[in-house]
Amino acid sequence: MTIFEIKLAGHIKKGQMTPDCFATVHRVPGSDTITVKFTTADGTGDREHQVKADNFCDVFSMAEYLQYHLDGCHGTNSMVHEYYRILEYFMD
């Protein structure tokens, strides 16, 4: 199985209908990098990051970043590892 793209939605705050932040993780076949695009509901915090697909430290750092921005808090190691497992689909 090959996964080219995954879309993630952040935590939905009480009283809201949609999350504040979304993330799209993708890797073009043959590319050395994984691209992570963050989109905010109001459009003011949109940004894009690229991480080396063969660099554990780079990918784990992105997992920490994803966890913090999508969950809205500093998480435990197990919370970060949930995001790391998603990013593993895109590693070499």
N, C-alpha and C. Protein backbone atom coordinates (compact mmCIF):
# COMPACT_ATOMS: atom_id res chain seq x y z
N MET A 1 0.84 -1.17 0.00
CA MET A 1 0.00 0.00 0.00
C MET A 1 0.88 1.23 0.00
N THR A 2 0.50 2.21 -0.79
CA THR A 2 1.21 3.48 -0.83
C THR A 2 0.23 4.59 -0.49
N ILE A 3 0.62 5.43 0.46
CA ILE A 3 -0.20 6.58 0.84
C ILE A 3 0.52 7.82 0.35
N PHE A 4 -0.17 8.67 -0.40
CA PHE A 4 0.43 9.89 -0.93
C PHE A 4 0.04 11.13 -0.14
N GLU A 5 -1.13 11.09 0.53
CA GLU A 5 -1.59 12.28 1.24
C GLU A 5 -2.54 11.89 2.36
N ILE A 6 -2.42 12.59 3.48
CA ILE A 6 -3.33 12.43 4.61
C ILE A 6 -3.73 13.83 5.08
N LYS A 7 -5.01 14.01 5.36
CA LYS A 7 -5.50 15.28 5.89
C LYS A 7 -5.91 15.07 7.34
N LEU A 8 -5.47 15.98 8.20
CA LEU A 8 -5.74 15.90 9.63
C LEU A 8 -6.48 17.16 10.10
N ALA A 9 -7.40 16.98 11.02
CA ALA A 9 -8.11 18.11 11.61
C ALA A 9 -7.72 18.23 13.07
N GLY A 10 -7.56 19.45 13.52
CA GLY A 10 -7.18 19.69 14.91
C GLY A 10 -8.34 19.55 15.86
N HIS A 11 -8.05 19.80 17.11
CA HIS A 11 -9.02 19.73 18.19
C HIS A 11 -10.13 20.77 17.97
N ILE A 12 -11.35 20.37 18.23
CA ILE A 12 -12.49 21.30 18.13
C ILE A 12 -12.80 21.81 19.53
N LYS A 13 -12.68 23.11 19.72
CA LYS A 13 -12.93 23.72 21.02
C LYS A 13 -14.43 23.72 21.33
N LYS A 14 -14.72 23.69 22.60
CA LYS A 14 -16.11 23.69 23.05
C LYS A 14 -16.84 24.92 22.50
N GLY A 15 -17.99 24.70 21.92
CA GLY A 15 -18.79 25.79 21.38
C GLY A 15 -18.50 26.10 19.92
N GLN A 16 -17.47 25.48 19.34
CA GLN A 16 -17.14 25.70 17.93
C GLN A 16 -17.66 24.55 17.09
N MET A 17 -17.82 24.81 15.82
CA MET A 17 -18.29 23.78 14.90
C MET A 17 -17.15 23.13 14.12
N THR A 18 -16.04 23.86 13.97
CA THR A 18 -14.90 23.35 13.20
C THR A 18 -13.61 23.57 13.98
N PRO A 19 -12.58 22.80 13.64
CA PRO A 19 -11.28 23.00 14.28
C PRO A 19 -10.64 24.33 13.87
N ASP A 20 -9.72 24.80 14.69
CA ASP A 20 -8.98 26.02 14.35
C ASP A 20 -7.90 25.75 13.31
N CYS A 21 -7.41 24.51 13.26
CA CYS A 21 -6.26 24.21 12.41
C CYS A 21 -6.44 22.86 11.71
N PHE A 22 -5.97 22.80 10.47
CA PHE A 22 -5.95 21.57 9.68
C PHE A 22 -4.53 21.38 9.17
N ALA A 23 -4.17 20.12 8.88
CA ALA A 23 -2.85 19.84 8.31
C ALA A 23 -3.01 18.82 7.19
N THR A 24 -2.26 19.04 6.12
CA THR A 24 -2.20 18.10 5.01
C THR A 24 -0.76 17.62 4.91
N VAL A 25 -0.58 16.31 4.98
CA VAL A 25 0.74 15.70 4.90
C VAL A 25 0.81 14.95 3.58
N HIS A 26 1.83 15.27 2.76
CA HIS A 26 1.96 14.52 1.52
C HIS A 26 3.43 14.44 1.07
N ARG A 27 3.65 13.46 0.22
CA ARG A 27 4.98 13.28 -0.37
C ARG A 27 4.80 12.85 -1.81
N VAL A 28 5.38 13.60 -2.69
CA VAL A 28 5.36 13.27 -4.11
C VAL A 28 6.28 12.07 -4.32
N PRO A 29 5.83 11.05 -5.04
CA PRO A 29 6.69 9.89 -5.28
C PRO A 29 8.05 10.31 -5.86
N GLY A 30 9.12 9.79 -5.27
CA GLY A 30 10.47 10.11 -5.72
C GLY A 30 11.08 11.32 -5.03
N SER A 31 10.27 12.07 -4.29
CA SER A 31 10.77 13.26 -3.60
C SER A 31 11.53 12.86 -2.34
N ASP A 32 12.51 13.66 -1.96
CA ASP A 32 13.28 13.42 -0.74
C ASP A 32 12.62 14.02 0.50
N THR A 33 11.56 14.80 0.30
CA THR A 33 10.95 15.51 1.42
C THR A 33 9.47 15.18 1.58
N ILE A 34 9.03 15.32 2.82
CA ILE A 34 7.62 15.23 3.18
C ILE A 34 7.16 16.67 3.37
N THR A 35 6.04 17.02 2.76
CA THR A 35 5.50 18.37 2.88
C THR A 35 4.31 18.35 3.83
N VAL A 36 4.32 19.28 4.77
CA VAL A 36 3.20 19.42 5.72
C VAL A 36 2.68 20.84 5.58
N LYS A 37 1.42 20.97 5.20
CA LYS A 37 0.77 22.27 5.04
C LYS A 37 -0.23 22.46 6.16
N PHE A 38 -0.11 23.58 6.88
CA PHE A 38 -1.05 23.93 7.93
C PHE A 38 -1.98 25.00 7.39
N THR A 39 -3.25 24.82 7.68
CA THR A 39 -4.27 25.78 7.27
C THR A 39 -5.09 26.12 8.50
N THR A 40 -5.31 27.39 8.74
CA THR A 40 -6.15 27.80 9.86
C THR A 40 -7.52 28.20 9.34
N ALA A 41 -8.51 28.12 10.21
CA ALA A 41 -9.88 28.42 9.82
C ALA A 41 -10.02 29.85 9.31
N ASP A 42 -9.26 30.78 9.89
CA ASP A 42 -9.37 32.17 9.46
C ASP A 42 -8.36 32.55 8.38
N GLY A 43 -7.48 31.62 8.01
CA GLY A 43 -6.52 31.86 6.93
C GLY A 43 -5.31 32.67 7.30
N THR A 44 -5.20 33.09 8.55
CA THR A 44 -4.08 33.96 8.94
C THR A 44 -2.82 33.17 9.31
N GLY A 45 -2.96 31.88 9.61
CA GLY A 45 -1.80 31.11 10.06
C GLY A 45 -1.36 30.04 9.09
N ASP A 46 -1.72 30.19 7.82
CA ASP A 46 -1.35 29.19 6.82
C ASP A 46 0.16 29.17 6.63
N ARG A 47 0.73 27.96 6.61
CA ARG A 47 2.18 27.82 6.41
C ARG A 47 2.49 26.43 5.88
N GLU A 48 3.69 26.28 5.36
CA GLU A 48 4.11 25.01 4.78
C GLU A 48 5.50 24.67 5.29
N HIS A 49 5.71 23.41 5.63
CA HIS A 49 7.00 22.93 6.11
C HIS A 49 7.41 21.72 5.27
N GLN A 50 8.71 21.56 5.10
CA GLN A 50 9.23 20.37 4.43
C GLN A 50 10.26 19.72 5.35
N VAL A 51 10.17 18.39 5.46
CA VAL A 51 11.11 17.65 6.29
C VAL A 51 11.74 16.55 5.46
N LYS A 52 12.98 16.23 5.75
CA LYS A 52 13.70 15.16 5.05
C LYS A 52 13.07 13.82 5.42
N ALA A 53 12.65 13.07 4.43
CA ALA A 53 11.95 11.80 4.65
C ALA A 53 12.84 10.73 5.27
N ASP A 54 14.16 10.88 5.13
CA ASP A 54 15.07 9.86 5.66
C ASP A 54 15.76 10.30 6.96
N ASN A 55 15.27 11.36 7.58
CA ASN A 55 15.90 11.89 8.78
C ASN A 55 14.95 11.74 9.97
N PHE A 56 15.24 10.77 10.85
CA PHE A 56 14.37 10.50 12.00
C PHE A 56 14.14 11.75 12.84
N CYS A 57 15.20 12.48 13.14
CA CYS A 57 15.09 13.66 14.01
C CYS A 57 14.18 14.72 13.38
N ASP A 58 14.32 14.94 12.09
CA ASP A 58 13.50 15.92 11.37
C ASP A 58 12.03 15.50 11.41
N VAL A 59 11.77 14.23 11.16
CA VAL A 59 10.39 13.73 11.13
C VAL A 59 9.79 13.74 12.54
N PHE A 60 10.56 13.36 13.54
CA PHE A 60 10.04 13.38 14.91
C PHE A 60 9.74 14.80 15.36
N SER A 61 10.58 15.74 14.98
CA SER A 61 10.35 17.14 15.30
C SER A 61 9.04 17.63 14.67
N MET A 62 8.77 17.20 13.44
CA MET A 62 7.52 17.57 12.79
C MET A 62 6.34 16.94 13.51
N ALA A 63 6.50 15.72 14.02
CA ALA A 63 5.43 15.08 14.79
C ALA A 63 5.11 15.89 16.04
N GLU A 64 6.14 16.40 16.71
CA GLU A 64 5.93 17.26 17.88
C GLU A 64 5.18 18.54 17.49
N TYR A 65 5.57 19.11 16.36
CA TYR A 65 4.95 20.34 15.87
C TYR A 65 3.47 20.08 15.51
N LEU A 66 3.21 18.98 14.82
CA LEU A 66 1.84 18.62 14.47
C LEU A 66 0.99 18.44 15.72
N GLN A 67 1.53 17.69 16.67
CA GLN A 67 0.78 17.43 17.91
C GLN A 67 0.44 18.73 18.62
N TYR A 68 1.40 19.60 18.76
CA TYR A 68 1.18 20.86 19.48
C TYR A 68 0.12 21.72 18.78
N HIS A 69 0.23 21.87 17.48
CA HIS A 69 -0.68 22.77 16.77
C HIS A 69 -2.07 22.17 16.55
N LEU A 70 -2.16 20.87 16.36
CA LEU A 70 -3.47 20.28 16.14
C LEU A 70 -4.21 19.99 17.44
N ASP A 71 -3.49 19.58 18.48
CA ASP A 71 -4.13 19.31 19.76
C ASP A 71 -4.26 20.56 20.63
N GLY A 72 -3.45 21.56 20.35
CA GLY A 72 -3.54 22.82 21.09
C GLY A 72 -2.87 22.82 22.45
N CYS A 73 -1.98 21.85 22.68
CA CYS A 73 -1.26 21.79 23.96
C CYS A 73 0.02 20.98 23.76
N HIS A 74 0.95 21.13 24.72
CA HIS A 74 2.14 20.27 24.70
C HIS A 74 1.70 18.90 25.17
N GLY A 75 1.95 17.89 24.35
CA GLY A 75 1.47 16.55 24.65
C GLY A 75 2.51 15.66 25.26
N THR A 76 2.07 14.50 25.66
CA THR A 76 2.96 13.48 26.20
C THR A 76 3.66 12.78 25.03
N ASN A 77 4.65 11.96 25.36
CA ASN A 77 5.34 11.21 24.32
C ASN A 77 4.38 10.34 23.52
N SER A 78 3.42 9.72 24.18
CA SER A 78 2.48 8.86 23.46
C SER A 78 1.63 9.67 22.48
N MET A 79 1.30 10.90 22.83
CA MET A 79 0.53 11.76 21.92
C MET A 79 1.37 12.11 20.69
N VAL A 80 2.63 12.43 20.91
CA VAL A 80 3.53 12.77 19.80
C VAL A 80 3.74 11.55 18.91
N HIS A 81 3.86 10.38 19.51
CA HIS A 81 4.09 9.16 18.73
C HIS A 81 2.91 8.82 17.83
N GLU A 82 1.71 9.23 18.21
CA GLU A 82 0.56 9.02 17.32
C GLU A 82 0.78 9.77 16.00
N TYR A 83 1.29 10.98 16.08
CA TYR A 83 1.57 11.76 14.87
C TYR A 83 2.79 11.21 14.14
N TYR A 84 3.77 10.74 14.89
CA TYR A 84 4.95 10.15 14.26
C TYR A 84 4.56 8.93 13.42
N ARG A 85 3.66 8.10 13.95
CA ARG A 85 3.22 6.92 13.20
C ARG A 85 2.55 7.30 11.88
N ILE A 86 1.87 8.42 11.86
CA ILE A 86 1.27 8.90 10.61
C ILE A 86 2.37 9.30 9.63
N LEU A 87 3.37 10.03 10.13
CA LEU A 87 4.46 10.47 9.27
C LEU A 87 5.31 9.32 8.77
N GLU A 88 5.35 8.22 9.52
CA GLU A 88 6.13 7.05 9.09
C GLU A 88 5.68 6.51 7.74
N TYR A 89 4.41 6.68 7.41
CA TYR A 89 3.91 6.22 6.11
C TYR A 89 4.66 6.88 4.95
N PHE A 90 5.22 8.06 5.22
CA PHE A 90 5.85 8.84 4.16
C PHE A 90 7.37 8.76 4.18
N MET A 91 7.93 8.01 5.13
CA MET A 91 9.38 7.91 5.23
C MET A 91 9.93 6.88 4.27
N ASP A 92 11.25 6.96 4.04
CA ASP A 92 11.92 5.99 3.17
C ASP A 92 11.94 4.62 3.79
